[in-house]
N, C-alpha and C. Protein backbone atom coordinates (compact mmCIF):
# COMPACT_ATOMS: atom_id res chain seq x y z
N MET A 1 38.30 29.97 -14.25
CA MET A 1 38.90 30.11 -12.94
C MET A 1 38.98 31.59 -12.58
N VAL A 2 38.69 31.89 -11.34
CA VAL A 2 38.77 33.26 -10.83
C VAL A 2 40.14 33.45 -10.20
N THR A 3 40.82 34.53 -10.59
CA THR A 3 42.15 34.83 -10.05
C THR A 3 42.19 36.28 -9.58
N THR A 4 43.20 36.59 -8.79
CA THR A 4 43.38 37.96 -8.31
C THR A 4 44.86 38.29 -8.21
N ALA A 5 45.16 39.57 -8.32
CA ALA A 5 46.55 40.03 -8.20
C ALA A 5 46.57 41.44 -7.63
N LEU A 6 47.59 41.71 -6.84
CA LEU A 6 47.82 43.07 -6.36
C LEU A 6 48.47 43.87 -7.48
N ILE A 7 48.14 45.14 -7.53
CA ILE A 7 48.77 46.04 -8.49
C ILE A 7 49.95 46.68 -7.78
N GLY A 8 51.13 46.50 -8.29
CA GLY A 8 52.36 46.97 -7.66
C GLY A 8 52.40 48.46 -7.43
N GLY A 9 52.95 48.85 -6.30
CA GLY A 9 53.14 50.26 -5.99
C GLY A 9 51.92 50.96 -5.42
N VAL A 10 50.84 50.22 -5.18
CA VAL A 10 49.62 50.82 -4.63
C VAL A 10 49.34 50.16 -3.28
N VAL A 11 48.99 50.96 -2.28
CA VAL A 11 48.71 50.47 -0.94
C VAL A 11 47.40 49.69 -0.94
N SER A 12 47.42 48.49 -0.34
CA SER A 12 46.19 47.70 -0.27
C SER A 12 45.26 48.27 0.81
N SER A 13 44.04 47.76 0.82
CA SER A 13 43.03 48.25 1.74
C SER A 13 43.07 47.48 3.05
N HIS A 14 42.42 48.01 4.07
CA HIS A 14 42.46 47.41 5.40
C HIS A 14 41.75 46.06 5.47
N PHE A 15 40.85 45.75 4.55
CA PHE A 15 40.11 44.51 4.57
C PHE A 15 40.67 43.47 3.58
N ASP A 16 41.78 43.76 2.95
CA ASP A 16 42.27 42.94 1.85
C ASP A 16 42.57 41.50 2.23
N SER A 17 43.21 41.27 3.37
CA SER A 17 43.55 39.90 3.75
C SER A 17 42.30 39.06 3.97
N GLU A 18 41.26 39.66 4.55
CA GLU A 18 39.99 38.97 4.74
C GLU A 18 39.34 38.64 3.40
N LEU A 19 39.41 39.57 2.48
CA LEU A 19 38.82 39.39 1.16
C LEU A 19 39.40 38.17 0.46
N VAL A 20 40.71 38.07 0.39
CA VAL A 20 41.37 36.96 -0.30
C VAL A 20 41.09 35.65 0.42
N LYS A 21 41.12 35.67 1.75
CA LYS A 21 40.90 34.45 2.53
C LYS A 21 39.47 33.93 2.36
N GLU A 22 38.49 34.79 2.46
CA GLU A 22 37.09 34.38 2.40
C GLU A 22 36.64 33.96 1.01
N LEU A 23 37.14 34.61 -0.02
CA LEU A 23 36.70 34.29 -1.38
C LEU A 23 37.37 33.05 -1.94
N LYS A 24 38.49 32.64 -1.35
CA LYS A 24 39.21 31.44 -1.80
C LYS A 24 39.48 31.48 -3.30
N ILE A 25 40.08 32.58 -3.74
CA ILE A 25 40.43 32.72 -5.15
C ILE A 25 41.94 32.60 -5.29
N GLN A 26 42.37 32.16 -6.45
CA GLN A 26 43.79 31.93 -6.69
C GLN A 26 44.53 33.26 -6.86
N VAL A 27 45.60 33.44 -6.11
CA VAL A 27 46.44 34.63 -6.18
C VAL A 27 47.52 34.39 -7.23
N VAL A 28 47.64 35.34 -8.16
CA VAL A 28 48.63 35.23 -9.25
C VAL A 28 49.40 36.53 -9.36
N LYS A 29 50.42 36.54 -10.20
CA LYS A 29 51.15 37.77 -10.52
C LYS A 29 50.29 38.61 -11.47
N ILE A 30 50.48 39.91 -11.46
CA ILE A 30 49.64 40.80 -12.25
C ILE A 30 49.69 40.49 -13.74
N TYR A 31 50.84 40.07 -14.25
CA TYR A 31 50.93 39.78 -15.69
C TYR A 31 50.02 38.62 -16.09
N ALA A 32 49.70 37.71 -15.18
CA ALA A 32 48.82 36.58 -15.48
C ALA A 32 47.36 37.00 -15.63
N MET A 33 47.04 38.20 -15.19
CA MET A 33 45.65 38.69 -15.29
C MET A 33 45.27 38.97 -16.73
N ARG A 34 46.25 39.09 -17.61
CA ARG A 34 45.95 39.34 -19.03
C ARG A 34 45.14 38.21 -19.65
N GLU A 35 45.22 37.02 -19.06
CA GLU A 35 44.48 35.87 -19.57
C GLU A 35 42.99 35.93 -19.25
N GLN A 36 42.63 36.76 -18.29
CA GLN A 36 41.22 36.86 -17.87
C GLN A 36 40.46 37.79 -18.82
N SER A 37 39.25 37.38 -19.20
CA SER A 37 38.48 38.20 -20.13
C SER A 37 37.65 39.27 -19.43
N LEU A 38 37.33 39.09 -18.15
CA LEU A 38 36.53 40.06 -17.40
C LEU A 38 37.27 40.45 -16.13
N LEU A 39 37.45 41.76 -15.93
CA LEU A 39 38.22 42.23 -14.77
C LEU A 39 37.38 43.12 -13.86
N ILE A 40 37.62 42.97 -12.57
CA ILE A 40 37.03 43.81 -11.55
C ILE A 40 38.18 44.53 -10.86
N GLY A 41 38.12 45.85 -10.75
CA GLY A 41 39.10 46.62 -10.01
C GLY A 41 38.57 46.93 -8.63
N ILE A 42 39.42 46.87 -7.61
CA ILE A 42 39.01 47.21 -6.24
C ILE A 42 39.85 48.38 -5.78
N ARG A 43 39.17 49.43 -5.32
CA ARG A 43 39.85 50.65 -4.86
C ARG A 43 40.18 50.56 -3.37
N ASN A 44 41.29 51.20 -2.99
CA ASN A 44 41.64 51.33 -1.58
C ASN A 44 40.99 52.59 -1.01
N GLN A 45 41.32 52.92 0.23
CA GLN A 45 40.70 54.07 0.89
C GLN A 45 41.11 55.41 0.27
N ASP A 46 42.17 55.41 -0.53
CA ASP A 46 42.60 56.62 -1.23
C ASP A 46 41.94 56.76 -2.60
N GLY A 47 41.20 55.74 -3.01
CA GLY A 47 40.55 55.78 -4.31
C GLY A 47 41.38 55.21 -5.44
N ASP A 48 42.53 54.61 -5.11
CA ASP A 48 43.40 54.00 -6.12
C ASP A 48 43.03 52.53 -6.28
N ILE A 49 43.01 52.04 -7.52
CA ILE A 49 42.76 50.62 -7.74
C ILE A 49 44.03 49.86 -7.35
N TYR A 50 43.90 48.98 -6.35
CA TYR A 50 45.07 48.26 -5.84
C TYR A 50 45.01 46.76 -6.14
N ARG A 51 43.84 46.25 -6.49
CA ARG A 51 43.69 44.82 -6.74
C ARG A 51 42.82 44.60 -7.96
N ALA A 52 43.21 43.62 -8.77
CA ALA A 52 42.40 43.19 -9.90
C ALA A 52 41.91 41.78 -9.62
N VAL A 53 40.64 41.54 -9.92
CA VAL A 53 40.05 40.21 -9.82
C VAL A 53 39.54 39.87 -11.20
N GLY A 54 39.93 38.71 -11.70
CA GLY A 54 39.57 38.33 -13.05
C GLY A 54 38.76 37.07 -13.13
N ALA A 55 37.87 37.02 -14.13
CA ALA A 55 37.04 35.84 -14.39
C ALA A 55 37.03 35.58 -15.88
N ASN A 56 36.81 34.32 -16.25
CA ASN A 56 36.77 33.96 -17.66
C ASN A 56 35.36 33.90 -18.23
N SER A 57 34.35 33.82 -17.37
CA SER A 57 32.98 33.74 -17.86
C SER A 57 32.10 34.75 -17.14
N THR A 58 30.98 35.07 -17.75
CA THR A 58 30.06 36.01 -17.11
C THR A 58 29.48 35.42 -15.83
N GLY A 59 29.30 34.10 -15.78
CA GLY A 59 28.80 33.45 -14.57
C GLY A 59 29.76 33.64 -13.40
N GLU A 60 31.05 33.40 -13.65
CA GLU A 60 32.08 33.61 -12.62
C GLU A 60 32.12 35.09 -12.21
N PHE A 61 32.05 35.97 -13.20
CA PHE A 61 32.11 37.41 -12.97
C PHE A 61 31.01 37.86 -12.01
N PHE A 62 29.77 37.48 -12.31
CA PHE A 62 28.65 37.91 -11.46
C PHE A 62 28.66 37.21 -10.10
N SER A 63 29.17 35.99 -10.05
CA SER A 63 29.30 35.29 -8.78
C SER A 63 30.30 36.00 -7.87
N VAL A 64 31.43 36.42 -8.45
CA VAL A 64 32.43 37.16 -7.68
C VAL A 64 31.86 38.49 -7.19
N LEU A 65 31.14 39.20 -8.05
CA LEU A 65 30.54 40.47 -7.63
C LEU A 65 29.58 40.27 -6.46
N LYS A 66 28.79 39.22 -6.53
CA LYS A 66 27.86 38.93 -5.43
C LYS A 66 28.61 38.65 -4.14
N ASN A 67 29.68 37.84 -4.24
CA ASN A 67 30.48 37.51 -3.05
C ASN A 67 31.19 38.74 -2.49
N LEU A 68 31.63 39.64 -3.34
CA LEU A 68 32.33 40.84 -2.87
C LEU A 68 31.38 41.81 -2.16
N SER A 69 30.10 41.70 -2.42
CA SER A 69 29.15 42.60 -1.75
C SER A 69 29.11 42.37 -0.24
N GLN A 70 29.54 41.19 0.23
CA GLN A 70 29.58 40.93 1.68
C GLN A 70 30.63 41.78 2.38
N PHE A 71 31.54 42.36 1.63
CA PHE A 71 32.58 43.23 2.19
C PHE A 71 32.21 44.70 2.08
N ASP A 72 30.94 44.99 1.83
CA ASP A 72 30.45 46.37 1.65
C ASP A 72 31.15 47.06 0.49
N LEU A 73 31.45 46.30 -0.55
CA LEU A 73 32.02 46.86 -1.78
C LEU A 73 30.89 47.08 -2.77
N PHE A 74 30.87 48.26 -3.36
CA PHE A 74 29.81 48.61 -4.30
C PHE A 74 30.41 49.05 -5.62
N ASN A 75 29.72 48.73 -6.70
CA ASN A 75 30.18 49.09 -8.03
C ASN A 75 29.95 50.57 -8.24
N GLU A 76 31.03 51.33 -8.37
CA GLU A 76 30.90 52.78 -8.54
C GLU A 76 30.36 53.15 -9.92
N GLN A 77 30.40 52.21 -10.86
CA GLN A 77 29.91 52.48 -12.20
C GLN A 77 28.40 52.25 -12.31
N GLY A 78 27.77 51.82 -11.23
CA GLY A 78 26.33 51.60 -11.26
C GLY A 78 25.99 50.30 -11.96
N ALA A 79 25.27 50.38 -13.06
CA ALA A 79 24.84 49.19 -13.80
C ALA A 79 26.05 48.43 -14.33
N MET A 80 25.90 47.14 -14.44
CA MET A 80 26.99 46.29 -14.90
C MET A 80 27.25 46.53 -16.38
N SER A 81 28.50 46.59 -16.73
CA SER A 81 28.88 46.78 -18.12
C SER A 81 29.91 45.73 -18.48
N ILE A 82 29.52 44.81 -19.33
CA ILE A 82 30.43 43.73 -19.71
C ILE A 82 31.33 44.16 -20.87
N SER A 83 31.02 45.24 -21.52
CA SER A 83 31.82 45.65 -22.68
C SER A 83 32.59 46.93 -22.41
N GLY A 84 33.72 47.06 -23.07
CA GLY A 84 34.50 48.30 -23.02
C GLY A 84 35.25 48.51 -21.72
N GLY A 85 36.32 49.31 -21.81
CA GLY A 85 37.09 49.68 -20.63
C GLY A 85 38.00 48.57 -20.14
N ARG A 86 38.95 48.95 -19.35
CA ARG A 86 39.90 47.99 -18.79
C ARG A 86 39.24 47.11 -17.74
N TYR A 87 38.39 47.72 -16.90
CA TYR A 87 37.66 47.00 -15.86
C TYR A 87 36.17 47.04 -16.17
N GLN A 88 35.52 45.90 -16.06
CA GLN A 88 34.08 45.85 -16.30
C GLN A 88 33.30 46.29 -15.07
N ALA A 89 33.95 46.30 -13.91
CA ALA A 89 33.37 46.82 -12.68
C ALA A 89 34.50 47.37 -11.83
N ILE A 90 34.25 48.48 -11.16
CA ILE A 90 35.22 49.05 -10.22
C ILE A 90 34.50 49.18 -8.89
N LEU A 91 35.03 48.49 -7.89
CA LEU A 91 34.38 48.45 -6.58
C LEU A 91 35.10 49.35 -5.60
N ILE A 92 34.28 49.95 -4.74
CA ILE A 92 34.81 50.84 -3.72
C ILE A 92 34.13 50.51 -2.40
N TYR A 93 34.86 50.64 -1.31
CA TYR A 93 34.36 50.35 0.03
C TYR A 93 33.55 51.53 0.54
N LYS A 94 32.32 51.25 0.98
CA LYS A 94 31.45 52.33 1.46
C LYS A 94 31.37 52.41 2.97
N GLY A 95 32.03 51.49 3.67
CA GLY A 95 31.98 51.49 5.13
C GLY A 95 33.00 52.42 5.75
N PRO A 96 33.07 52.45 7.08
CA PRO A 96 34.07 53.29 7.75
C PRO A 96 35.48 52.76 7.52
N VAL A 97 36.40 53.64 7.36
CA VAL A 97 37.80 53.24 7.12
C VAL A 97 38.48 53.08 8.47
N THR A 98 39.19 51.96 8.63
CA THR A 98 39.82 51.68 9.92
C THR A 98 41.33 51.68 9.87
N ALA A 99 41.89 52.06 8.74
CA ALA A 99 43.35 52.07 8.63
C ALA A 99 43.80 53.30 7.87
N LEU A 100 45.00 53.76 8.19
CA LEU A 100 45.58 54.89 7.47
C LEU A 100 46.36 54.40 6.27
N SER A 101 46.27 55.13 5.21
CA SER A 101 47.02 54.79 4.01
C SER A 101 48.44 55.31 4.15
N LYS A 102 49.40 54.58 3.60
CA LYS A 102 50.78 55.02 3.61
C LYS A 102 51.08 55.95 2.43
N SER A 103 50.20 55.94 1.43
CA SER A 103 50.50 56.70 0.22
C SER A 103 50.11 58.18 0.31
N ARG A 104 49.20 58.50 1.18
CA ARG A 104 48.78 59.90 1.33
C ARG A 104 48.56 60.18 2.81
N PHE A 105 48.73 61.41 3.20
CA PHE A 105 48.51 61.77 4.59
C PHE A 105 47.15 62.45 4.69
N LYS A 106 46.17 61.68 5.15
CA LYS A 106 44.81 62.17 5.31
C LYS A 106 44.34 61.83 6.71
N VAL A 107 43.43 62.61 7.21
CA VAL A 107 42.76 62.25 8.44
C VAL A 107 41.56 61.41 8.04
N LEU A 108 41.52 60.18 8.51
CA LEU A 108 40.44 59.28 8.13
C LEU A 108 39.43 59.08 9.24
N VAL A 109 39.68 59.69 10.39
CA VAL A 109 38.77 59.61 11.52
C VAL A 109 38.23 61.00 11.79
N PRO A 110 36.91 61.14 11.94
CA PRO A 110 36.36 62.48 12.21
C PRO A 110 36.92 63.06 13.50
N ILE A 111 37.21 64.34 13.48
CA ILE A 111 37.72 65.05 14.65
C ILE A 111 36.57 65.86 15.24
N PRO A 112 36.24 65.65 16.51
CA PRO A 112 35.12 66.40 17.10
C PRO A 112 35.44 67.89 17.17
N MET A 113 34.45 68.69 16.88
CA MET A 113 34.62 70.16 16.95
C MET A 113 34.30 70.64 18.36
N VAL A 114 35.09 71.52 18.87
CA VAL A 114 34.85 72.11 20.17
C VAL A 114 34.32 73.52 19.93
N LEU A 115 33.13 73.79 20.45
CA LEU A 115 32.53 75.12 20.27
C LEU A 115 32.78 76.01 21.45
């Protein structure tokens, strides 16, 4: 079974509600993620991992990765690594950011230069 949990204290991303709704995965508390053998971390616009997605088999793992690609999420680690590390894949959004993060004060929209 594929499950997901928010990581407490980290701001979620602007596309998060769509992600959970479209993937139809079971939402659990973060402590329940320990039961999953393969984890995917998803970064927010600040670069912090805010969500964990877990799978019990390599088939589920690769299926979830394929489904997450529809959200313009890309594996920052490049090639897939099933061994080692806390997360076997860490995904980051490569599209334009449409929301401001509450955790840091950054300008996320380009400001036109006046010459």
